[in-house]
Amino acid sequence: MQMAAESPVTHADRTFFQLRNDIVEGVISAGSKLSETELSTKYDVSRAVVREAINRLTASHLVERKANVGARVVTLSATGLVQLYQVREALEGMAARLAAENMTQSEIDALQGLLSDHFDEVKSGESYYQEAGDVDFHYRIVLGSKNNHLISVLIDGLYHLVRMYRVQLGMAGPRVTTAFDEHRHVVQAIANRDGELAEILMRRHILYSKNNIERKLIQTSKR
């Protein structure tokens, strides 16, 4: 299980976190080839450290290796989005239901406080950017499920690929206000210990987010 706070302990950890963040944020473009030599210079580490980071990112589905091509950042595509969000909808829906059953009252209070902190950003109507980890609404709910297998699949396996789509395509525009309202309704269902409603609302929220990102991908591909 990955903990809420990640502290880079070694050069390898630090390089992994930096490279992962650069990919998620789009500093390193989706679909681009990863050169161990260039990255070792960029991050001032050995090629062996870069190679380890790339291998770890492959396990997180952010990097793919192809014969005669080498390592590349994954491409953001409509097909990839649909497949990822089908899994995300089912598993995060389950996480919301379990969170309603298993989160402590203090954890629910903290989740409501987190949304209050996000409110000022949302009021501007321009973006709804959430940092990775414990200040991310979805991350908190997944951890709140208290199911270690579910946490491992979602946080260690899919979380940063989901973030890549969200950060690069889904956190701005008119969707901002409605997404925030959907978050509030999910939290209210969790606070009411209504697991069935929390699951329905979370699944619906992720479906709407998928539709929004899919529209942006289609618009981008037409340019």
Protein backbone atom coordinates (compact mmCIF):
# COMPACT_ATOMS: atom_id res chain seq x y z
CA MET A 1 0.00 0.00 0.00
CA GLN A 2 1.31 3.41 -0.95
CA MET A 3 1.10 5.97 1.85
CA ALA A 4 -0.42 9.42 1.47
CA ALA A 5 2.88 11.24 1.77
CA GLU A 6 5.79 10.27 -0.46
CA SER A 7 9.23 11.36 0.63
CA PRO A 8 12.09 10.73 -1.79
CA VAL A 9 14.72 8.84 0.18
CA THR A 10 17.29 8.08 -2.50
CA HIS A 11 18.44 9.56 -5.82
CA ALA A 12 16.44 6.80 -7.50
CA ASP A 13 13.26 7.79 -5.64
CA ARG A 14 13.79 11.49 -6.34
CA THR A 15 14.38 10.86 -10.04
CA PHE A 16 11.34 8.60 -10.25
CA PHE A 17 9.10 11.24 -8.64
CA GLN A 18 10.49 14.04 -10.84
CA LEU A 19 10.13 12.05 -14.05
CA ARG A 20 6.65 10.87 -13.11
CA ASN A 21 5.56 14.42 -12.33
CA ASP A 22 7.01 15.76 -15.59
CA ILE A 23 5.08 13.12 -17.54
CA VAL A 24 1.80 13.69 -15.69
CA GLU A 25 2.08 17.48 -16.03
CA GLY A 26 2.93 17.25 -19.74
CA VAL A 27 6.43 18.73 -19.35
CA ILE A 28 7.51 15.58 -21.16
CA SER A 29 4.94 15.18 -23.92
CA ALA A 30 2.66 12.18 -24.26
CA GLY A 31 4.00 9.78 -26.88
CA SER A 32 7.56 11.10 -26.71
CA LYS A 33 10.61 8.81 -26.71
CA LEU A 34 12.58 8.61 -23.48
CA SER A 35 16.35 8.80 -23.85
CA GLU A 36 18.33 7.52 -20.86
CA THR A 37 21.27 9.71 -21.85
CA GLU A 38 19.22 12.90 -22.13
CA LEU A 39 17.30 12.23 -18.92
CA SER A 40 20.45 11.42 -16.96
CA THR A 41 21.78 14.85 -17.94
CA LYS A 42 18.46 16.57 -17.20
CA TYR A 43 18.17 15.10 -13.70
CA ASP A 44 21.91 14.92 -13.03
CA VAL A 45 21.92 11.20 -12.20
CA SER A 46 23.37 8.06 -13.75
CA ARG A 47 21.74 6.21 -16.62
CA ALA A 48 21.18 3.27 -14.25
CA VAL A 49 19.05 5.49 -12.01
CA VAL A 50 17.05 6.72 -15.01
CA ARG A 51 16.61 3.14 -16.24
CA GLU A 52 15.20 2.13 -12.85
CA ALA A 53 12.79 5.09 -12.88
CA ILE A 54 11.59 4.18 -16.38
CA ASN A 55 11.01 0.58 -15.30
CA ARG A 56 8.94 1.77 -12.34
CA LEU A 57 6.93 4.06 -14.60
CA THR A 58 6.21 1.14 -16.91
CA ALA A 59 4.58 -0.63 -13.97
CA SER A 60 2.47 2.51 -13.40
CA HIS A 61 1.30 2.44 -17.05
CA LEU A 62 2.85 5.85 -17.79
CA VAL A 63 5.60 4.42 -20.00
CA GLU A 64 5.47 1.62 -22.54
CA ARG A 65 8.30 -0.31 -24.12
CA LYS A 66 8.13 -1.51 -27.72
CA ALA A 67 10.55 -3.68 -29.64
CA ASN A 68 12.94 -1.67 -31.84
CA VAL A 69 11.50 1.58 -30.41
CA GLY A 70 12.46 1.60 -26.75
CA ALA A 71 10.65 3.42 -23.95
CA ARG A 72 7.99 5.99 -24.78
CA VAL A 73 5.52 7.98 -22.72
CA VAL A 74 2.03 6.61 -23.24
CA THR A 75 -0.19 8.37 -25.76
CA LEU A 76 -3.41 9.94 -24.52
CA SER A 77 -6.13 8.50 -26.74
CA ALA A 78 -9.91 8.20 -26.72
CA THR A 79 -9.65 4.39 -26.70
CA GLY A 80 -7.17 4.40 -23.84
CA LEU A 81 -9.34 6.85 -21.90
CA VAL A 82 -12.50 4.77 -22.29
CA GLN A 83 -10.79 1.56 -21.16
CA LEU A 84 -9.09 3.26 -18.21
CA TYR A 85 -12.23 5.04 -17.05
CA GLN A 86 -14.36 1.89 -17.32
CA VAL A 87 -12.06 0.31 -14.74
CA ARG A 88 -11.83 3.53 -12.73
CA GLU A 89 -15.61 3.93 -12.60
CA ALA A 90 -16.13 0.44 -11.22
CA LEU A 91 -13.27 0.50 -8.70
CA GLU A 92 -13.67 4.06 -7.43
CA GLY A 93 -17.41 3.48 -7.14
CA MET A 94 -16.57 0.52 -4.90
CA ALA A 95 -14.07 2.67 -2.99
CA ALA A 96 -16.75 5.30 -2.30
CA ARG A 97 -19.15 2.65 -1.01
CA LEU A 98 -16.48 1.20 1.29
CA ALA A 99 -15.43 4.69 2.41
CA ALA A 100 -19.00 5.32 3.57
CA GLU A 101 -18.73 2.19 5.68
CA ASN A 102 -15.14 2.49 6.91
CA MET A 103 -13.99 6.11 7.13
CA THR A 104 -13.84 7.50 10.66
CA GLN A 105 -15.76 10.64 11.50
CA SER A 106 -12.51 12.61 11.76
CA GLU A 107 -11.51 11.41 8.25
CA ILE A 108 -14.88 12.50 6.88
CA ASP A 109 -14.53 15.88 8.61
CA ALA A 110 -11.07 16.25 7.02
CA LEU A 111 -12.50 15.35 3.60
CA GLN A 112 -15.18 18.01 3.96
CA GLY A 113 -12.48 20.46 5.04
CA LEU A 114 -10.47 19.58 1.94
CA LEU A 115 -13.42 20.53 -0.28
CA SER A 116 -13.77 23.80 1.60
CA ASP A 117 -10.11 24.52 0.83
CA HIS A 118 -10.78 23.80 -2.86
CA PHE A 119 -13.81 26.11 -2.99
CA ASP A 120 -11.91 29.37 -3.53
CA GLU A 121 -10.13 27.86 -6.53
CA VAL A 122 -13.39 26.63 -8.00
CA LYS A 123 -15.14 29.99 -7.57
CA SER A 124 -12.90 31.46 -10.26
CA GLY A 125 -14.39 28.93 -12.67
CA GLU A 126 -11.13 28.57 -14.57
CA SER A 127 -9.52 25.41 -13.21
CA TYR A 128 -9.83 22.75 -10.53
CA TYR A 129 -6.28 21.58 -10.08
CA GLN A 130 -5.56 19.12 -7.29
CA GLU A 131 -2.03 18.19 -6.32
CA ALA A 132 -1.27 14.49 -6.16
CA GLY A 133 -1.67 12.58 -2.93
CA ASP A 134 -3.38 13.55 0.28
CA VAL A 135 -4.77 16.86 -1.06
CA ASP A 136 -6.58 15.04 -3.88
CA PHE A 137 -10.25 14.28 -3.20
CA HIS A 138 -10.18 10.96 -5.07
CA TYR A 139 -6.97 9.82 -3.35
CA ARG A 140 -8.53 10.41 0.07
CA ILE A 141 -11.61 8.36 -0.74
CA VAL A 142 -9.58 5.46 -2.12
CA LEU A 143 -7.53 5.38 1.09
CA GLY A 144 -10.77 5.72 3.06
CA SER A 145 -12.00 2.42 1.61
CA LYS A 146 -9.51 0.69 3.95
CA ASN A 147 -9.24 -2.15 1.41
CA ASN A 148 -5.54 -2.75 0.78
CA HIS A 149 -6.04 -4.65 -2.49
CA LEU A 150 -8.25 -1.90 -3.89
CA ILE A 151 -5.79 0.76 -2.74
CA SER A 152 -2.92 -1.08 -4.41
CA VAL A 153 -4.72 -1.39 -7.76
CA LEU A 154 -5.95 2.20 -7.82
CA ILE A 155 -3.07 4.10 -6.20
CA ASP A 156 -0.02 2.08 -7.18
CA GLY A 157 -1.37 0.90 -10.52
CA LEU A 158 -3.71 3.46 -12.12
CA TYR A 159 -3.67 6.70 -10.13
CA HIS A 160 -0.98 8.60 -12.03
CA LEU A 161 -2.24 7.58 -15.47
CA VAL A 162 -5.67 8.85 -14.44
CA ARG A 163 -4.00 12.05 -13.21
CA MET A 164 -2.25 12.43 -16.56
CA TYR A 165 -5.62 12.55 -18.35
CA ARG A 166 -7.16 14.77 -15.65
CA VAL A 167 -4.29 17.27 -15.46
CA GLN A 168 -3.72 17.63 -19.18
CA LEU A 169 -7.32 17.51 -20.38
CA GLY A 170 -9.90 17.62 -17.60
CA MET A 171 -9.29 20.31 -14.99
CA ALA A 172 -10.41 23.48 -16.75
CA GLY A 173 -13.45 24.99 -18.42
CA PRO A 174 -17.18 24.88 -17.56
CA ARG A 175 -16.83 21.34 -16.16
CA VAL A 176 -15.01 22.80 -13.11
CA THR A 177 -18.07 23.93 -11.17
CA THR A 178 -20.16 20.83 -11.87
CA ALA A 179 -17.26 18.52 -10.95
CA PHE A 180 -16.89 20.30 -7.62
CA ASP A 181 -20.63 19.99 -6.92
CA GLU A 182 -20.45 16.27 -7.72
CA HIS A 183 -17.59 15.94 -5.21
CA ARG A 184 -19.76 17.62 -2.56
CA HIS A 185 -22.63 15.22 -3.17
CA VAL A 186 -20.33 12.20 -2.93
CA VAL A 187 -18.92 13.43 0.38
CA GLN A 188 -22.41 14.09 1.73
CA ALA A 189 -23.42 10.51 0.90
CA ILE A 190 -20.28 9.23 2.65
CA ALA A 191 -21.03 11.45 5.67
CA ASN A 192 -24.55 10.01 5.76
CA ARG A 193 -23.05 6.47 5.66
CA ASP A 194 -25.08 5.79 2.51
CA GLY A 195 -22.68 3.51 0.68
CA GLU A 196 -25.08 2.65 -2.14
CA LEU A 197 -25.68 6.32 -3.00
CA ALA A 198 -21.97 7.17 -2.65
CA GLU A 199 -21.13 4.47 -5.20
CA ILE A 200 -23.81 5.62 -7.66
CA LEU A 201 -22.72 9.26 -7.39
CA MET A 202 -19.03 8.44 -7.76
CA ARG A 203 -19.64 6.25 -10.82
CA ARG A 204 -21.77 8.98 -12.39
CA HIS A 205 -19.12 11.62 -11.59
CA ILE A 206 -16.37 9.58 -13.26
CA LEU A 207 -18.58 8.89 -16.29
CA TYR A 208 -19.24 12.63 -16.72
CA SER A 209 -15.50 13.33 -16.36
CA LYS A 210 -14.73 10.70 -18.99
CA ASN A 211 -17.23 12.26 -21.40
CA ASN A 212 -15.69 15.70 -20.86
CA ILE A 213 -12.12 14.50 -21.48
CA GLU A 214 -13.21 12.43 -24.48
CA ARG A 215 -14.74 15.52 -26.10
CA LYS A 216 -11.48 17.42 -25.60
CA LEU A 217 -9.45 14.56 -27.10
CA ILE A 218 -11.69 14.49 -30.17
CA GLN A 219 -11.44 18.27 -30.58
CA THR A 220 -7.65 18.09 -30.25
CA SER A 221 -7.38 15.32 -32.85
CA LYS A 222 -9.31 17.45 -35.37
CA ARG A 223 -6.84 20.34 -35.20
